[in-house]
N, C-alpha and C. Protein backbone atom coordinates (compact mmCIF):
# COMPACT_ATOMS: atom_id res chain seq x y z
N MET A 1 -6.66 9.91 -6.10
CA MET A 1 -5.63 8.91 -6.25
C MET A 1 -4.39 9.58 -6.83
N MET A 2 -3.20 9.14 -6.39
CA MET A 2 -1.97 9.71 -6.90
C MET A 2 -1.08 8.63 -7.47
N ARG A 3 -0.20 9.02 -8.36
CA ARG A 3 0.74 8.08 -8.95
C ARG A 3 2.12 8.71 -8.93
N ASP A 4 3.10 7.93 -8.55
CA ASP A 4 4.47 8.39 -8.54
C ASP A 4 5.01 8.27 -9.96
N ALA A 5 5.09 9.39 -10.67
CA ALA A 5 5.46 9.38 -12.07
C ALA A 5 6.91 8.97 -12.30
N ALA A 6 7.72 8.96 -11.27
CA ALA A 6 9.14 8.62 -11.42
C ALA A 6 9.37 7.13 -11.63
N HIS A 7 8.37 6.29 -11.35
CA HIS A 7 8.55 4.85 -11.44
C HIS A 7 7.43 4.22 -12.25
N ASP A 8 7.80 3.46 -13.27
CA ASP A 8 6.80 2.69 -13.99
C ASP A 8 6.25 1.65 -13.03
N ALA A 9 4.95 1.52 -12.96
CA ALA A 9 4.29 0.62 -12.01
C ALA A 9 4.69 0.96 -10.58
N GLY A 10 4.92 2.24 -10.32
CA GLY A 10 5.33 2.71 -9.01
C GLY A 10 4.17 2.75 -8.04
N PRO A 11 4.41 3.29 -6.88
CA PRO A 11 3.39 3.29 -5.83
C PRO A 11 2.14 4.06 -6.22
N VAL A 12 1.05 3.59 -5.76
CA VAL A 12 -0.22 4.27 -5.94
C VAL A 12 -0.84 4.41 -4.57
N GLY A 13 -1.28 5.60 -4.23
CA GLY A 13 -1.93 5.82 -2.94
C GLY A 13 -3.39 6.11 -3.14
N ALA A 14 -4.17 5.78 -2.17
CA ALA A 14 -5.60 6.05 -2.23
C ALA A 14 -6.08 6.46 -0.86
N THR A 15 -6.83 7.54 -0.83
CA THR A 15 -7.53 7.90 0.39
C THR A 15 -8.86 7.18 0.33
N ILE A 16 -9.16 6.42 1.35
CA ILE A 16 -10.33 5.56 1.33
C ILE A 16 -11.46 6.17 2.14
N ASP A 17 -12.63 6.25 1.53
CA ASP A 17 -13.83 6.64 2.25
C ASP A 17 -14.19 5.47 3.15
N THR A 18 -14.00 5.63 4.45
CA THR A 18 -14.17 4.50 5.37
C THR A 18 -15.61 4.03 5.48
N SER A 19 -16.56 4.80 4.93
CA SER A 19 -17.95 4.33 4.94
C SER A 19 -18.20 3.36 3.79
N ASP A 20 -17.27 3.26 2.83
CA ASP A 20 -17.42 2.37 1.69
C ASP A 20 -16.61 1.11 1.93
N GLN A 21 -17.28 0.02 2.22
CA GLN A 21 -16.60 -1.25 2.50
C GLN A 21 -16.49 -2.13 1.27
N SER A 22 -16.72 -1.57 0.07
CA SER A 22 -16.74 -2.40 -1.14
C SER A 22 -15.44 -2.35 -1.92
N LEU A 23 -14.35 -1.84 -1.33
CA LEU A 23 -13.08 -1.76 -2.03
C LEU A 23 -12.58 -3.17 -2.34
N MET A 24 -12.31 -3.42 -3.62
CA MET A 24 -11.80 -4.73 -4.04
C MET A 24 -10.58 -4.52 -4.91
N ILE A 25 -9.64 -5.42 -4.82
CA ILE A 25 -8.42 -5.36 -5.62
C ILE A 25 -8.31 -6.66 -6.39
N ASN A 26 -8.12 -6.57 -7.69
CA ASN A 26 -8.00 -7.74 -8.53
C ASN A 26 -6.70 -7.65 -9.30
N PRO A 27 -5.61 -8.18 -8.78
CA PRO A 27 -4.30 -8.05 -9.44
C PRO A 27 -4.12 -9.05 -10.59
N ASP A 28 -4.56 -8.68 -11.77
CA ASP A 28 -4.42 -9.54 -12.93
C ASP A 28 -3.13 -9.25 -13.69
N THR A 29 -2.19 -8.61 -13.06
CA THR A 29 -0.97 -8.19 -13.73
C THR A 29 0.10 -9.27 -13.76
N GLY A 30 -0.05 -10.36 -13.03
CA GLY A 30 0.96 -11.39 -12.96
C GLY A 30 2.03 -11.09 -11.92
N ASP A 31 1.96 -9.94 -11.28
CA ASP A 31 2.92 -9.56 -10.24
C ASP A 31 2.17 -9.45 -8.93
N SER A 32 2.83 -9.77 -7.84
CA SER A 32 2.23 -9.56 -6.52
C SER A 32 2.13 -8.07 -6.24
N ILE A 33 1.20 -7.73 -5.39
CA ILE A 33 1.01 -6.34 -4.97
C ILE A 33 1.45 -6.22 -3.53
N ALA A 34 2.18 -5.15 -3.22
CA ALA A 34 2.56 -4.84 -1.84
C ALA A 34 1.67 -3.70 -1.37
N MET A 35 1.30 -3.71 -0.09
CA MET A 35 0.40 -2.68 0.43
C MET A 35 0.75 -2.36 1.88
N VAL A 36 0.66 -1.09 2.23
CA VAL A 36 0.68 -0.65 3.62
C VAL A 36 -0.57 0.17 3.87
N VAL A 37 -1.07 0.08 5.09
CA VAL A 37 -2.24 0.87 5.51
C VAL A 37 -1.83 1.56 6.81
N PRO A 38 -1.05 2.65 6.69
CA PRO A 38 -0.51 3.27 7.90
C PRO A 38 -1.51 4.11 8.67
N ALA A 39 -2.64 4.43 8.05
CA ALA A 39 -3.66 5.25 8.71
C ALA A 39 -5.03 4.75 8.28
N ARG A 40 -6.02 5.07 9.06
CA ARG A 40 -7.36 4.54 8.76
C ARG A 40 -7.93 5.09 7.46
N ASP A 41 -7.36 6.18 6.94
CA ASP A 41 -7.87 6.75 5.70
C ASP A 41 -6.84 6.72 4.57
N LEU A 42 -5.85 5.82 4.65
CA LEU A 42 -4.82 5.78 3.62
C LEU A 42 -4.33 4.35 3.39
N ALA A 43 -4.32 3.94 2.14
CA ALA A 43 -3.70 2.67 1.72
C ALA A 43 -2.79 3.01 0.55
N ILE A 44 -1.58 2.45 0.57
CA ILE A 44 -0.61 2.72 -0.50
C ILE A 44 -0.16 1.38 -1.07
N PHE A 45 -0.17 1.28 -2.40
CA PHE A 45 0.14 0.04 -3.10
C PHE A 45 1.34 0.23 -4.02
N ALA A 46 2.08 -0.86 -4.26
CA ALA A 46 3.15 -0.88 -5.26
C ALA A 46 3.30 -2.31 -5.76
N ALA A 47 3.83 -2.44 -6.96
CA ALA A 47 4.17 -3.78 -7.45
C ALA A 47 5.25 -4.35 -6.54
N ALA A 48 5.07 -5.57 -6.08
CA ALA A 48 6.02 -6.17 -5.14
C ALA A 48 7.42 -6.31 -5.73
N SER A 49 7.52 -6.41 -7.03
CA SER A 49 8.82 -6.55 -7.67
C SER A 49 9.54 -5.22 -7.87
N ASN A 50 8.86 -4.11 -7.59
CA ASN A 50 9.44 -2.77 -7.76
C ASN A 50 10.13 -2.37 -6.45
N VAL A 51 11.46 -2.55 -6.42
CA VAL A 51 12.23 -2.30 -5.20
C VAL A 51 12.06 -0.86 -4.73
N ASP A 52 12.12 0.10 -5.64
CA ASP A 52 11.94 1.51 -5.27
C ASP A 52 10.52 1.76 -4.77
N GLY A 53 9.55 1.11 -5.37
CA GLY A 53 8.17 1.27 -4.93
C GLY A 53 7.94 0.76 -3.53
N VAL A 54 8.50 -0.41 -3.21
CA VAL A 54 8.36 -0.97 -1.86
C VAL A 54 9.11 -0.11 -0.85
N ALA A 55 10.28 0.41 -1.23
CA ALA A 55 11.01 1.33 -0.33
C ALA A 55 10.18 2.57 -0.06
N PHE A 56 9.47 3.06 -1.08
CA PHE A 56 8.58 4.21 -0.91
C PHE A 56 7.46 3.89 0.08
N LEU A 57 6.93 2.67 0.02
CA LEU A 57 5.89 2.26 0.97
C LEU A 57 6.39 2.38 2.40
N PHE A 58 7.61 1.88 2.66
CA PHE A 58 8.17 1.96 4.01
C PHE A 58 8.40 3.41 4.43
N GLU A 59 8.89 4.22 3.51
CA GLU A 59 9.15 5.64 3.82
C GLU A 59 7.85 6.36 4.19
N LYS A 60 6.82 6.20 3.37
CA LYS A 60 5.54 6.87 3.63
C LYS A 60 4.87 6.29 4.87
N ARG A 61 4.97 4.97 5.06
CA ARG A 61 4.39 4.35 6.25
C ARG A 61 4.97 4.96 7.51
N ASP A 62 6.31 5.06 7.55
CA ASP A 62 6.97 5.60 8.73
C ASP A 62 6.61 7.06 8.95
N GLU A 63 6.50 7.82 7.87
CA GLU A 63 6.12 9.24 7.96
C GLU A 63 4.71 9.39 8.52
N VAL A 64 3.78 8.61 7.99
CA VAL A 64 2.39 8.70 8.45
C VAL A 64 2.24 8.23 9.89
N LEU A 65 2.94 7.17 10.26
CA LEU A 65 2.87 6.69 11.65
C LEU A 65 3.42 7.73 12.63
N ALA A 66 4.42 8.48 12.20
CA ALA A 66 5.03 9.48 13.08
C ALA A 66 4.22 10.77 13.16
N THR A 67 3.53 11.14 12.07
CA THR A 67 2.89 12.47 12.03
C THR A 67 1.41 12.45 11.69
N GLY A 68 0.86 11.30 11.34
CA GLY A 68 -0.53 11.24 10.89
C GLY A 68 -1.54 11.41 12.01
N ALA A 69 -2.74 11.86 11.62
CA ALA A 69 -3.81 12.08 12.59
C ALA A 69 -4.46 10.77 13.04
N TYR A 70 -4.49 9.76 12.18
CA TYR A 70 -5.17 8.50 12.49
C TYR A 70 -4.28 7.29 12.21
N PRO A 71 -3.10 7.21 12.86
CA PRO A 71 -2.19 6.10 12.58
C PRO A 71 -2.79 4.75 12.97
N LEU A 72 -2.44 3.72 12.20
CA LEU A 72 -2.93 2.37 12.49
C LEU A 72 -1.78 1.43 12.85
N PHE A 73 -1.09 0.91 11.85
CA PHE A 73 -0.05 -0.08 12.13
C PHE A 73 1.00 -0.10 11.03
N GLU A 74 2.10 -0.80 11.31
CA GLU A 74 3.26 -0.79 10.43
C GLU A 74 3.32 -1.98 9.47
N HIS A 75 2.32 -2.81 9.43
CA HIS A 75 2.35 -4.04 8.65
C HIS A 75 2.50 -3.79 7.15
N LEU A 76 3.27 -4.66 6.50
CA LEU A 76 3.39 -4.70 5.05
C LEU A 76 2.72 -5.98 4.59
N TYR A 77 1.81 -5.85 3.62
CA TYR A 77 1.09 -7.01 3.12
C TYR A 77 1.41 -7.23 1.65
N TYR A 78 1.43 -8.51 1.26
CA TYR A 78 1.56 -8.90 -0.14
C TYR A 78 0.31 -9.69 -0.53
N TRP A 79 -0.19 -9.45 -1.74
CA TRP A 79 -1.31 -10.22 -2.26
C TRP A 79 -0.73 -11.47 -2.92
N ARG A 80 -0.98 -12.62 -2.31
CA ARG A 80 -0.44 -13.90 -2.82
C ARG A 80 -1.50 -14.99 -2.66
N GLY A 81 -1.71 -15.74 -3.70
CA GLY A 81 -2.63 -16.88 -3.63
C GLY A 81 -4.05 -16.50 -3.26
N GLY A 82 -4.47 -15.31 -3.66
CA GLY A 82 -5.84 -14.88 -3.40
C GLY A 82 -6.09 -14.33 -2.00
N ALA A 83 -4.99 -13.99 -1.28
CA ALA A 83 -5.16 -13.46 0.08
C ALA A 83 -4.02 -12.50 0.41
N TRP A 84 -4.25 -11.61 1.35
CA TRP A 84 -3.21 -10.71 1.86
C TRP A 84 -2.37 -11.45 2.88
N VAL A 85 -1.05 -11.44 2.70
CA VAL A 85 -0.10 -12.11 3.60
C VAL A 85 0.74 -11.05 4.29
N ASP A 86 0.82 -11.10 5.61
CA ASP A 86 1.59 -10.13 6.38
C ASP A 86 3.08 -10.43 6.21
N ARG A 87 3.82 -9.49 5.66
CA ARG A 87 5.26 -9.66 5.43
C ARG A 87 6.05 -8.53 6.11
N THR A 88 5.60 -8.10 7.27
CA THR A 88 6.23 -7.01 7.98
C THR A 88 7.67 -7.33 8.29
N ARG A 89 8.54 -6.34 8.08
CA ARG A 89 9.96 -6.54 8.41
C ARG A 89 10.40 -5.54 9.43
């Protein structure tokens, strides 16, 4: 797991073992979470209120879609009301 040290509550990326289907996210922080999954082995998260963090999500998403080995899709999701909501722009 990596953390962007330049931003408090900045983006966090995780390489996901695709054989493990038990990944759960519990955002008890009071802030919505933004997420992109640009490749089958990568999910990147940021606090939805962190403008620089969300911009980083778009930058990395576009980079992975252009050069990644296992690209998936360009969707941006927000965790709201107990569910992921597609907010692609």
